[in-house]
Structures are given as structure tokens and as C-alpha cells.
Amino acid sequence: MTIKYNAPTTLTFTFVCGAVLLLDALLPGLVENWFSVPGRGGFDAGSFRDYLRLFTHVMGHADLNHFLSNFSFILLLGPILETNYGSGGLLIMTAITAVVTGLLNILMFPTGLMGASGIVFMMILLSSFTNFNKGEVPLTFILVLVLYLGREVVNAFTANNISEFGHIIGGLCGSIFGYLKPARR
């Protein structure tokens, strides 16, 4: 019996994010400076680093619990999505979701953003499209949309340090990807 690197995009993303978390313990400030996107007024259009952070903010996590809560979903859903959309397809969808959530955070919110929660919600909504046929809207998609994103809308009105907006935007990205790019069979 051999161990197979069965979902290259998912596994590589997981290992890179884990390495960033470990390195941040050795190099304090790494995540804050390179793996989080600034809030409104904090983006420097002349800084290569700030453009890079539009992608890398999904790799930074505040602590081990934050990392584990995201990657328990990513490791569950990612391999299924890679089988249905391809490793390259999932990588592109992840990058687009990162940039969209990062840009909208910069434009709309005063606080920074880090973590893969938007990617998690993209995967949750995208996974409900795996049995999608043209001209149909899966009931599972509607229920997941109401349950997951509905909860985030309600939670957005509570005081916490969670970006429900990032979750909602990630979920909307997954919904759009699923609708526009049906899973290959």
C-alpha cells in the first residue's frame, strides 16, 4: 500500500499554510506583514508587497485553532472538488476568491483580513454544484446557501473578530464558479 498525493492543489495549499503558521511562531510579524491584506486606507498602490498580499492573505492564520477550523473543511472538500474541476481549475478559483475578498476588504472595511475562511465558503457552495445540470438549480445548493450564508448574514451584526463578509463573498464566488463551470464528469 502506498500513500498518494491525491489532491495536489489542496495538499500543497494546506502544507504552505501550515508552514506559514510555523514560521510566524519563529518570525513574529510574518503573517501580519506578508499574509494579511490591509483594511481601507492601508493599501499602498506603489507597494509590490500589498499586491502580493491580495493573494497571500488566505495563507495566514491567527493561530492553530484558526488554521484547523479552516483546513478541516478544505481537506474534506478540496479532493472532491479537484476530482470534479481539476487541480488547475481549483487553483484558479482559489486565487480569484482570494483577490476578490482581499480587494473588497480593502475597499469596504477598516480592518485587515487573513485566513482561508473565504476559500472554505467558496468550496462549500461550489461542492453543492457537483451534480449540477444545465437548466437546473440543485435544491442542495439552495439549502446550503440559506444555511451557511444566512448564518453569516445574521452573525455579521454581532461584535466579533470574524469576517463574515469574507465568508459571504467566498460563498458567492463558489456559487458563481459552480454555475458558470459545471463539474466535469
N, C-alpha and C. Protein backbone atom coordinates (compact mmCIF):
# COMPACT_ATOMS: atom_id res chain seq x y z
N MET A 1 0.85 -1.17 0.00
CA MET A 1 0.00 0.00 0.00
C MET A 1 0.90 1.24 0.00
N THR A 2 0.53 2.24 -0.82
CA THR A 2 1.30 3.47 -0.89
C THR A 2 0.42 4.67 -0.53
N ILE A 3 1.07 5.71 -0.08
CA ILE A 3 0.37 6.96 0.19
C ILE A 3 0.45 7.80 -1.08
N LYS A 4 -0.69 8.28 -1.54
CA LYS A 4 -0.76 9.03 -2.78
C LYS A 4 -1.02 10.51 -2.50
N TYR A 5 -0.32 11.37 -3.18
CA TYR A 5 -0.55 12.82 -3.12
C TYR A 5 -1.74 13.10 -4.03
N ASN A 6 -2.93 12.76 -3.53
CA ASN A 6 -4.13 12.65 -4.35
C ASN A 6 -4.78 13.96 -4.76
N ALA A 7 -4.53 15.03 -4.08
CA ALA A 7 -5.17 16.31 -4.39
C ALA A 7 -4.10 17.39 -4.29
N PRO A 8 -3.30 17.57 -5.36
CA PRO A 8 -2.13 18.43 -5.27
C PRO A 8 -2.42 19.88 -4.88
N THR A 9 -3.47 20.46 -5.40
CA THR A 9 -3.78 21.85 -5.04
C THR A 9 -4.16 21.94 -3.57
N THR A 10 -5.03 21.07 -3.13
CA THR A 10 -5.49 21.08 -1.73
C THR A 10 -4.35 20.80 -0.77
N LEU A 11 -3.57 19.78 -1.05
CA LEU A 11 -2.49 19.39 -0.14
C LEU A 11 -1.37 20.44 -0.11
N THR A 12 -1.00 20.96 -1.27
CA THR A 12 0.04 21.98 -1.31
C THR A 12 -0.41 23.23 -0.57
N PHE A 13 -1.64 23.64 -0.77
CA PHE A 13 -2.19 24.80 -0.07
C PHE A 13 -2.16 24.57 1.44
N THR A 14 -2.55 23.38 1.87
CA THR A 14 -2.55 23.04 3.29
C THR A 14 -1.13 23.10 3.87
N PHE A 15 -0.18 22.48 3.19
CA PHE A 15 1.19 22.46 3.69
C PHE A 15 1.83 23.85 3.71
N VAL A 16 1.56 24.65 2.69
CA VAL A 16 2.11 26.01 2.65
C VAL A 16 1.53 26.83 3.81
N CYS A 17 0.22 26.74 4.03
CA CYS A 17 -0.41 27.50 5.12
C CYS A 17 0.10 27.02 6.48
N GLY A 18 0.30 25.72 6.63
CA GLY A 18 0.87 25.20 7.87
C GLY A 18 2.28 25.70 8.09
N ALA A 19 3.08 25.76 7.02
CA ALA A 19 4.45 26.26 7.12
C ALA A 19 4.46 27.74 7.49
N VAL A 20 3.54 28.52 6.92
CA VAL A 20 3.45 29.94 7.25
C VAL A 20 3.13 30.10 8.73
N LEU A 21 2.21 29.30 9.25
CA LEU A 21 1.85 29.37 10.66
C LEU A 21 3.06 29.04 11.55
N LEU A 22 3.80 27.99 11.20
CA LEU A 22 5.00 27.64 11.96
C LEU A 22 6.08 28.72 11.88
N LEU A 23 6.28 29.25 10.70
CA LEU A 23 7.29 30.30 10.52
C LEU A 23 6.93 31.57 11.29
N ASP A 24 5.63 31.85 11.39
CA ASP A 24 5.21 33.04 12.13
C ASP A 24 5.56 32.91 13.61
N ALA A 25 5.58 31.68 14.13
CA ALA A 25 5.98 31.47 15.52
C ALA A 25 7.48 31.78 15.70
N LEU A 26 8.26 31.53 14.65
CA LEU A 26 9.70 31.80 14.70
C LEU A 26 10.04 33.24 14.31
N LEU A 27 9.24 33.80 13.43
CA LEU A 27 9.47 35.16 12.93
C LEU A 27 8.22 36.00 13.18
N PRO A 28 8.02 36.43 14.40
CA PRO A 28 6.80 37.19 14.73
C PRO A 28 6.59 38.37 13.78
N GLY A 29 5.37 38.55 13.36
CA GLY A 29 5.03 39.62 12.43
C GLY A 29 4.98 39.18 10.98
N LEU A 30 5.44 37.96 10.70
CA LEU A 30 5.44 37.46 9.32
C LEU A 30 4.03 37.47 8.73
N VAL A 31 3.08 36.89 9.45
CA VAL A 31 1.71 36.82 8.94
C VAL A 31 1.13 38.23 8.78
N GLU A 32 1.33 39.05 9.78
CA GLU A 32 0.77 40.41 9.72
C GLU A 32 1.34 41.21 8.55
N ASN A 33 2.62 41.04 8.26
CA ASN A 33 3.26 41.84 7.22
C ASN A 33 3.17 41.27 5.81
N TRP A 34 3.04 39.96 5.68
CA TRP A 34 3.07 39.33 4.36
C TRP A 34 1.85 38.48 4.04
N PHE A 35 1.09 38.07 5.05
CA PHE A 35 -0.01 37.13 4.84
C PHE A 35 -1.33 37.64 5.41
N SER A 36 -1.53 38.94 5.34
CA SER A 36 -2.82 39.56 5.66
C SER A 36 -2.96 40.76 4.74
N VAL A 37 -4.18 41.04 4.35
CA VAL A 37 -4.42 42.19 3.48
C VAL A 37 -4.89 43.35 4.38
N PRO A 38 -4.40 44.56 4.12
CA PRO A 38 -4.80 45.68 4.97
C PRO A 38 -6.25 46.08 4.73
N GLY A 39 -6.76 46.86 5.65
CA GLY A 39 -8.11 47.39 5.51
C GLY A 39 -8.10 48.68 4.72
N ARG A 40 -9.28 49.30 4.65
CA ARG A 40 -9.46 50.55 3.91
C ARG A 40 -8.44 51.59 4.36
N GLY A 41 -7.80 52.20 3.41
CA GLY A 41 -6.80 53.23 3.71
C GLY A 41 -5.41 52.68 3.97
N GLY A 42 -5.26 51.38 4.08
CA GLY A 42 -3.96 50.79 4.37
C GLY A 42 -3.24 50.23 3.17
N PHE A 43 -3.89 50.20 2.02
CA PHE A 43 -3.28 49.63 0.82
C PHE A 43 -2.42 50.69 0.14
N ASP A 44 -1.18 50.34 -0.16
CA ASP A 44 -0.25 51.24 -0.85
C ASP A 44 -0.13 50.78 -2.30
N ALA A 45 -0.71 51.54 -3.21
CA ALA A 45 -0.72 51.16 -4.63
C ALA A 45 0.68 51.09 -5.22
N GLY A 46 1.66 51.67 -4.57
CA GLY A 46 3.03 51.61 -5.05
C GLY A 46 3.84 50.48 -4.45
N SER A 47 3.20 49.64 -3.65
CA SER A 47 3.91 48.58 -2.94
C SER A 47 3.64 47.22 -3.57
N PHE A 48 4.70 46.58 -4.06
CA PHE A 48 4.57 45.22 -4.59
C PHE A 48 4.03 44.28 -3.51
N ARG A 49 4.49 44.47 -2.27
CA ARG A 49 4.06 43.62 -1.16
C ARG A 49 2.54 43.67 -0.98
N ASP A 50 1.93 44.84 -1.09
CA ASP A 50 0.48 44.94 -0.90
C ASP A 50 -0.28 44.22 -2.01
N TYR A 51 0.23 44.25 -3.24
CA TYR A 51 -0.40 43.49 -4.33
C TYR A 51 -0.26 41.98 -4.08
N LEU A 52 0.91 41.57 -3.62
CA LEU A 52 1.13 40.16 -3.31
C LEU A 52 0.18 39.68 -2.22
N ARG A 53 -0.05 40.53 -1.23
CA ARG A 53 -0.92 40.18 -0.11
C ARG A 53 -2.37 39.96 -0.53
N LEU A 54 -2.77 40.47 -1.69
CA LEU A 54 -4.12 40.18 -2.20
C LEU A 54 -4.29 38.68 -2.42
N PHE A 55 -3.20 37.98 -2.72
CA PHE A 55 -3.23 36.53 -2.89
C PHE A 55 -2.87 35.80 -1.60
N THR A 56 -1.86 36.31 -0.89
CA THR A 56 -1.30 35.55 0.23
C THR A 56 -2.09 35.65 1.53
N HIS A 57 -3.04 36.56 1.62
CA HIS A 57 -3.78 36.70 2.88
C HIS A 57 -4.54 35.43 3.24
N VAL A 58 -4.86 34.59 2.26
CA VAL A 58 -5.57 33.34 2.55
C VAL A 58 -4.63 32.29 3.16
N MET A 59 -3.33 32.56 3.15
CA MET A 59 -2.37 31.62 3.71
C MET A 59 -2.00 31.93 5.16
N GLY A 60 -2.37 33.10 5.64
CA GLY A 60 -2.05 33.50 7.01
C GLY A 60 -3.18 33.18 7.96
N HIS A 61 -2.84 32.66 9.13
CA HIS A 61 -3.83 32.32 10.15
C HIS A 61 -3.38 32.85 11.50
N ALA A 62 -4.35 33.29 12.29
CA ALA A 62 -4.05 33.92 13.58
C ALA A 62 -3.42 32.94 14.57
N ASP A 63 -3.86 31.68 14.52
CA ASP A 63 -3.36 30.69 15.47
C ASP A 63 -3.71 29.29 14.96
N LEU A 64 -3.31 28.28 15.73
CA LEU A 64 -3.55 26.89 15.33
C LEU A 64 -5.03 26.57 15.21
N ASN A 65 -5.86 27.09 16.11
CA ASN A 65 -7.29 26.83 16.05
C ASN A 65 -7.91 27.40 14.77
N HIS A 66 -7.49 28.60 14.40
CA HIS A 66 -7.97 29.23 13.16
C HIS A 66 -7.58 28.36 11.96
N PHE A 67 -6.35 27.92 11.94
CA PHE A 67 -5.86 27.04 10.86
C PHE A 67 -6.66 25.74 10.80
N LEU A 68 -6.82 25.07 11.95
CA LEU A 68 -7.51 23.78 11.98
C LEU A 68 -8.98 23.90 11.59
N SER A 69 -9.64 24.97 12.00
CA SER A 69 -11.06 25.12 11.65
C SER A 69 -11.23 25.30 10.15
N ASN A 70 -10.30 25.98 9.50
CA ASN A 70 -10.39 26.13 8.04
C ASN A 70 -10.01 24.85 7.30
N PHE A 71 -8.93 24.22 7.74
CA PHE A 71 -8.42 23.10 6.95
C PHE A 71 -9.14 21.79 7.21
N SER A 72 -9.94 21.70 8.24
CA SER A 72 -10.79 20.51 8.38
C SER A 72 -11.79 20.48 7.24
N PHE A 73 -12.30 21.64 6.83
CA PHE A 73 -13.21 21.70 5.68
C PHE A 73 -12.45 21.58 4.36
N ILE A 74 -11.34 22.28 4.24
CA ILE A 74 -10.60 22.28 2.99
C ILE A 74 -10.11 20.88 2.64
N LEU A 75 -9.61 20.15 3.64
CA LEU A 75 -9.13 18.79 3.37
C LEU A 75 -10.28 17.82 3.09
N LEU A 76 -11.46 18.13 3.55
CA LEU A 76 -12.63 17.30 3.26
C LEU A 76 -13.18 17.59 1.86
N LEU A 77 -13.33 18.86 1.52
CA LEU A 77 -13.97 19.24 0.26
C LEU A 77 -13.00 19.35 -0.91
N GLY A 78 -11.77 19.78 -0.65
CA GLY A 78 -10.81 20.01 -1.72
C GLY A 78 -10.59 18.84 -2.66
N PRO A 79 -10.32 17.63 -2.14
CA PRO A 79 -10.10 16.50 -3.05
C PRO A 79 -11.31 16.19 -3.94
N ILE A 80 -12.50 16.32 -3.40
CA ILE A 80 -13.71 16.09 -4.20
C ILE A 80 -13.80 17.13 -5.32
N LEU A 81 -13.52 18.37 -4.98
CA LEU A 81 -13.59 19.44 -5.97
C LEU A 81 -12.48 19.30 -7.01
N GLU A 82 -11.30 18.87 -6.60
CA GLU A 82 -10.22 18.66 -7.58
C GLU A 82 -10.58 17.55 -8.56
N THR A 83 -11.26 16.52 -8.08
CA THR A 83 -11.70 15.45 -8.97
C THR A 83 -12.71 15.98 -9.98
N ASN A 84 -13.59 16.87 -9.55
CA ASN A 84 -14.65 17.37 -10.41
C ASN A 84 -14.27 18.56 -11.28
N TYR A 85 -13.35 19.40 -10.80
CA TYR A 85 -13.00 20.62 -11.54
C TYR A 85 -11.54 20.66 -11.98
N GLY A 86 -10.75 19.69 -11.55
CA GLY A 86 -9.34 19.65 -11.89
C GLY A 86 -8.51 20.47 -10.91
N SER A 87 -7.26 20.08 -10.74
CA SER A 87 -6.36 20.79 -9.81
C SER A 87 -6.13 22.23 -10.25
N GLY A 88 -5.91 22.41 -11.54
CA GLY A 88 -5.71 23.77 -12.07
C GLY A 88 -6.96 24.62 -11.92
N GLY A 89 -8.10 24.03 -12.19
CA GLY A 89 -9.36 24.77 -12.04
C GLY A 89 -9.58 25.22 -10.61
N LEU A 90 -9.32 24.33 -9.66
CA LEU A 90 -9.48 24.69 -8.25
C LEU A 90 -8.47 25.75 -7.84
N LEU A 91 -7.26 25.66 -8.34
CA LEU A 91 -6.24 26.67 -8.04
C LEU A 91 -6.67 28.04 -8.55
N ILE A 92 -7.19 28.10 -9.76
CA ILE A 92 -7.66 29.38 -10.33
C ILE A 92 -8.83 29.92 -9.51
N MET A 93 -9.78 29.07 -9.14
CA MET A 93 -10.92 29.53 -8.35
C MET A 93 -10.46 30.03 -6.98
N THR A 94 -9.47 29.38 -6.39
CA THR A 94 -8.93 29.81 -5.10
C THR A 94 -8.27 31.17 -5.24
N ALA A 95 -7.48 31.36 -6.29
CA ALA A 95 -6.79 32.64 -6.50
C ALA A 95 -7.78 33.77 -6.75
N ILE A 96 -8.80 33.51 -7.55
CA ILE A 96 -9.81 34.55 -7.82
C ILE A 96 -10.55 34.91 -6.54
N THR A 97 -10.92 33.91 -5.75
CA THR A 97 -11.62 34.17 -4.49
C THR A 97 -10.75 34.98 -3.54
N ALA A 98 -9.46 34.66 -3.49
CA ALA A 98 -8.53 35.42 -2.64
C ALA A 98 -8.49 36.88 -3.05
N VAL A 99 -8.33 37.13 -4.33
CA VAL A 99 -8.22 38.51 -4.82
C VAL A 99 -9.53 39.28 -4.60
N VAL A 100 -10.65 38.64 -4.91
CA VAL A 100 -11.94 39.32 -4.74
C VAL A 100 -12.19 39.68 -3.28
N THR A 101 -11.98 38.71 -2.37
CA THR A 101 -12.21 39.01 -0.95
C THR A 101 -11.22 40.06 -0.45
N GLY A 102 -9.98 39.98 -0.90
CA GLY A 102 -8.97 40.96 -0.49
C GLY A 102 -9.30 42.36 -0.98
N LEU A 103 -9.64 42.49 -2.26
CA LEU A 103 -9.98 43.80 -2.82
C LEU A 103 -11.20 44.41 -2.13
N LEU A 104 -12.24 43.61 -1.95
CA LEU A 104 -13.45 44.14 -1.32
C LEU A 104 -13.19 44.53 0.13
N ASN A 105 -12.33 43.79 0.81
CA ASN A 105 -11.98 44.17 2.18
C ASN A 105 -11.26 45.52 2.20
N ILE A 106 -10.32 45.71 1.27
CA ILE A 106 -9.58 46.96 1.19
C ILE A 106 -10.52 48.14 0.90
N LEU A 107 -11.51 47.92 0.06
CA LEU A 107 -12.43 48.98 -0.32
C LEU A 107 -13.48 49.28 0.73
N MET A 108 -13.86 48.28 1.53
CA MET A 108 -15.04 48.45 2.38
C MET A 108 -14.82 48.42 3.88
N PHE A 109 -13.73 47.84 4.36
CA PHE A 109 -13.58 47.63 5.80
C PHE A 109 -12.29 48.23 6.33
N PRO A 110 -12.33 48.79 7.53
CA PRO A 110 -11.14 49.42 8.08
C PRO A 110 -10.12 48.43 8.65
N THR A 111 -10.52 47.19 8.87
CA THR A 111 -9.62 46.21 9.48
C THR A 111 -9.02 45.29 8.43
N GLY A 112 -7.88 44.70 8.77
CA GLY A 112 -7.22 43.77 7.88
C GLY A 112 -7.97 42.45 7.79
N LEU A 113 -7.50 41.59 6.90
CA LEU A 113 -8.14 40.30 6.66
C LEU A 113 -7.06 39.24 6.48
N MET A 114 -7.25 38.08 7.13
CA MET A 114 -6.35 36.95 6.92
C MET A 114 -7.13 35.66 7.11
N GLY A 115 -6.63 34.61 6.50
CA GLY A 115 -7.22 33.29 6.69
C GLY A 115 -7.92 32.78 5.45
N ALA A 116 -8.17 31.48 5.46
CA ALA A 116 -8.75 30.79 4.32
C ALA A 116 -10.25 30.57 4.44
N SER A 117 -10.92 31.30 5.32
CA SER A 117 -12.35 31.10 5.51
C SER A 117 -13.15 31.40 4.25
N GLY A 118 -12.76 32.42 3.50
CA GLY A 118 -13.44 32.70 2.23
C GLY A 118 -13.29 31.54 1.27
N ILE A 119 -12.13 30.89 1.28
CA ILE A 119 -11.90 29.72 0.43
C ILE A 119 -12.78 28.56 0.90
N VAL A 120 -12.91 28.40 2.21
CA VAL A 120 -13.78 27.36 2.75
C VAL A 120 -15.21 27.55 2.25
N PHE A 121 -15.71 28.76 2.35
CA PHE A 121 -17.09 29.01 1.92
C PHE A 121 -17.23 28.88 0.40
N MET A 122 -16.19 29.26 -0.35
CA MET A 122 -16.21 29.02 -1.80
C MET A 122 -16.37 27.53 -2.06
N MET A 123 -15.60 26.71 -1.34
CA MET A 123 -15.66 25.25 -1.54
C MET A 123 -17.00 24.67 -1.10
N ILE A 124 -17.55 25.16 0.00
CA ILE A 124 -18.84 24.65 0.48
C ILE A 124 -19.92 24.87 -0.58
N LEU A 125 -20.02 26.09 -1.09
CA LEU A 125 -21.05 26.38 -2.09
C LEU A 125 -20.75 25.71 -3.42
N LEU A 126 -19.49 25.68 -3.81
CA LEU A 126 -19.10 25.02 -5.06
C LEU A 126 -19.42 23.53 -5.01
N SER A 127 -19.21 22.90 -3.86
CA SER A 127 -19.46 21.46 -3.76
C SER A 127 -20.93 21.12 -3.96
N SER A 128 -21.82 22.05 -3.67
CA SER A 128 -23.25 21.76 -3.88
C SER A 128 -23.61 21.76 -5.36
N PHE A 129 -22.68 22.14 -6.22
CA PHE A 129 -22.90 22.13 -7.66
C PHE A 129 -22.31 20.90 -8.35
N THR A 130 -21.76 19.97 -7.61
CA THR A 130 -21.07 18.85 -8.26
C THR A 130 -22.00 17.96 -9.08
N ASN A 131 -23.29 17.98 -8.80
CA ASN A 131 -24.26 17.21 -9.59
C ASN A 131 -25.18 18.11 -10.40
N PHE A 132 -24.70 19.28 -10.72
CA PHE A 132 -25.47 20.31 -11.42
C PHE A 132 -25.60 19.97 -12.89
N ASN A 133 -26.78 20.14 -13.44
CA ASN A 133 -27.01 20.01 -14.87
C ASN A 133 -27.52 21.35 -15.39
N LYS A 134 -27.16 21.70 -16.62
CA LYS A 134 -27.63 22.97 -17.20
C LYS A 134 -29.15 23.05 -17.11
N GLY A 135 -29.63 24.24 -16.74
CA GLY A 135 -31.07 24.45 -16.66
C GLY A 135 -31.68 24.04 -15.32
N GLU A 136 -30.86 23.57 -14.40
CA GLU A 136 -31.36 23.14 -13.09
C GLU A 136 -30.62 23.91 -11.99
N VAL A 137 -31.31 24.13 -10.89
CA VAL A 137 -30.68 24.67 -9.70
C VAL A 137 -30.86 23.60 -8.62
N PRO A 138 -29.77 23.02 -8.15
CA PRO A 138 -29.88 21.95 -7.15
C PRO A 138 -30.50 22.46 -5.84
N LEU A 139 -31.45 21.72 -5.31
CA LEU A 139 -32.04 22.06 -4.03
C LEU A 139 -30.98 22.09 -2.94
N THR A 140 -29.98 21.20 -3.04
CA THR A 140 -28.89 21.21 -2.05
C THR A 140 -28.17 22.55 -2.05
N PHE A 141 -28.00 23.14 -3.23
CA PHE A 141 -27.37 24.45 -3.32
C PHE A 141 -28.20 25.50 -2.57
N ILE A 142 -29.50 25.50 -2.79
CA ILE A 142 -30.38 26.48 -2.13
C ILE A 142 -30.31 26.31 -0.61
N LEU A 143 -30.35 25.06 -0.14
CA LEU A 143 -30.31 24.82 1.30
C LEU A 143 -28.96 25.23 1.90
N VAL A 144 -27.87 24.90 1.22
CA VAL A 144 -26.54 25.29 1.71
C VAL A 144 -26.42 26.81 1.70
N LEU A 145 -26.92 27.45 0.65
CA LEU A 145 -26.88 28.90 0.57
C LEU A 145 -27.62 29.53 1.76
N VAL A 146 -28.81 29.03 2.03
CA VAL A 146 -29.60 29.58 3.13
C VAL A 146 -28.94 29.30 4.48
N LEU A 147 -28.50 28.06 4.70
CA LEU A 147 -27.94 27.70 5.99
C LEU A 147 -26.59 28.36 6.27
N TYR A 148 -25.66 28.23 5.34
CA TYR A 148 -24.31 28.75 5.59
C TYR A 148 -24.23 30.27 5.44
N LEU A 149 -24.70 30.78 4.30
CA LEU A 149 -24.58 32.22 4.11
C LEU A 149 -25.61 32.98 4.93
N GLY A 150 -26.78 32.41 5.14
CA GLY A 150 -27.78 33.04 6.00
C GLY A 150 -27.24 33.24 7.41
N ARG A 151 -26.57 32.22 7.93
CA ARG A 151 -25.97 32.33 9.26
C ARG A 151 -24.92 33.44 9.29
N GLU A 152 -24.14 33.57 8.23
CA GLU A 152 -23.11 34.60 8.18
C GLU A 152 -23.72 36.00 8.13
N VAL A 153 -24.83 36.16 7.43
CA VAL A 153 -25.50 37.46 7.39
C VAL A 153 -25.98 37.82 8.79
N VAL A 154 -26.58 36.88 9.49
CA VAL A 154 -27.05 37.12 10.86
C VAL A 154 -25.86 37.43 11.78
N ASN A 155 -24.80 36.65 11.67
CA ASN A 155 -23.62 36.85 12.53
C ASN A 155 -22.88 38.16 12.23
N ALA A 156 -23.07 38.71 11.05
CA ALA A 156 -22.40 39.96 10.68
C ALA A 156 -22.81 41.11 11.60
N PHE A 157 -23.94 40.96 12.27
CA PHE A 157 -24.42 42.03 13.14
C PHE A 157 -24.01 41.84 14.60
N THR A 158 -23.11 40.88 14.85
CA THR A 158 -22.60 40.68 16.21
C THR A 158 -21.15 41.17 16.26
N ALA A 159 -20.75 41.59 17.43
CA ALA A 159 -19.38 42.08 17.60
C ALA A 159 -18.43 40.89 17.76
N ASN A 160 -17.50 40.72 16.82
CA ASN A 160 -16.50 39.66 16.88
C ASN A 160 -15.35 40.03 15.96
N ASN A 161 -14.35 39.18 15.90
CA ASN A 161 -13.21 39.45 15.03
C ASN A 161 -13.21 38.51 13.82
N ILE A 162 -14.38 38.12 13.39
CA ILE A 162 -14.55 37.21 12.24
C ILE A 162 -15.09 38.02 11.06
N SER A 163 -14.55 37.76 9.88
CA SER A 163 -15.01 38.46 8.69
C SER A 163 -16.14 37.67 8.03
N GLU A 164 -17.34 37.87 8.52
CA GLU A 164 -18.49 37.22 7.89
C GLU A 164 -18.61 37.65 6.43
N PHE A 165 -18.23 38.90 6.16
CA PHE A 165 -18.27 39.39 4.79
C PHE A 165 -17.36 38.55 3.89
N GLY A 166 -16.17 38.20 4.38
CA GLY A 166 -15.27 37.34 3.61
C GLY A 166 -15.88 35.98 3.34
N HIS A 167 -16.61 35.45 4.32
CA HIS A 167 -17.31 34.17 4.14
C HIS A 167 -18.38 34.31 3.06
N ILE A 168 -19.16 35.38 3.15
CA ILE A 168 -20.25 35.59 2.19
C ILE A 168 -19.69 35.74 0.77
N ILE A 169 -18.66 36.55 0.61
CA ILE A 169 -18.07 36.76 -0.71
C ILE A 169 -17.47 35.46 -1.23
N GLY A 170 -16.78 34.71 -0.37
CA GLY A 170 -16.25 33.40 -0.79
C GLY A 170 -17.37 32.48 -1.25
N GLY A 171 -18.46 32.44 -0.51
CA GLY A 171 -19.61 31.62 -0.90
C GLY A 171 -20.21 32.07 -2.22
N LEU A 172 -20.30 33.37 -2.42
CA LEU A 172 -20.83 33.87 -3.70
C LEU A 172 -19.90 33.52 -4.85
N CYS A 173 -18.58 33.60 -4.61
CA CYS A 173 -17.62 33.18 -5.65
C CYS A 173 -17.83 31.71 -6.00
N GLY A 174 -17.96 30.84 -4.98
CA GLY A 174 -18.19 29.42 -5.23
C GLY A 174 -19.48 29.18 -5.99
N SER A 175 -20.51 29.96 -5.69
CA SER A 175 -21.79 29.83 -6.39
C SER A 175 -21.65 30.21 -7.86
N ILE A 176 -20.95 31.30 -8.11
CA ILE A 176 -20.75 31.74 -9.49
C ILE A 176 -19.91 30.72 -10.26
N PHE A 177 -18.82 30.23 -9.64
CA PHE A 177 -17.98 29.22 -10.30
C PHE A 177 -18.79 27.98 -10.63
N GLY A 178 -19.59 27.52 -9.68
CA GLY A 178 -20.38 26.32 -9.90
C GLY A 178 -21.41 26.48 -10.99
N TYR A 179 -21.99 27.64 -11.08
CA TYR A 179 -22.99 27.90 -12.10
C TYR A 179 -22.35 28.03 -13.48
N LEU A 180 -21.22 28.74 -13.55
CA LEU A 180 -20.57 29.00 -14.84
C LEU A 180 -19.75 27.83 -15.36
N LYS A 181 -19.22 27.03 -14.44
CA LYS A 181 -18.33 25.93 -14.84
C LYS A 181 -18.80 24.63 -14.21
N PRO A 182 -19.77 23.99 -14.85
CA PRO A 182 -20.24 22.72 -14.29
C PRO A 182 -19.11 21.71 -14.17
N ALA A 183 -19.21 20.87 -13.17
CA ALA A 183 -18.18 19.84 -12.93
C ALA A 183 -18.05 18.93 -14.14
N ARG A 184 -16.82 18.53 -14.41
CA ARG A 184 -16.61 17.56 -15.49
C ARG A 184 -17.03 16.18 -14.99
N ARG A 185 -17.49 15.38 -15.88
CA ARG A 185 -17.94 14.03 -15.48
C ARG A 185 -17.21 12.98 -16.24
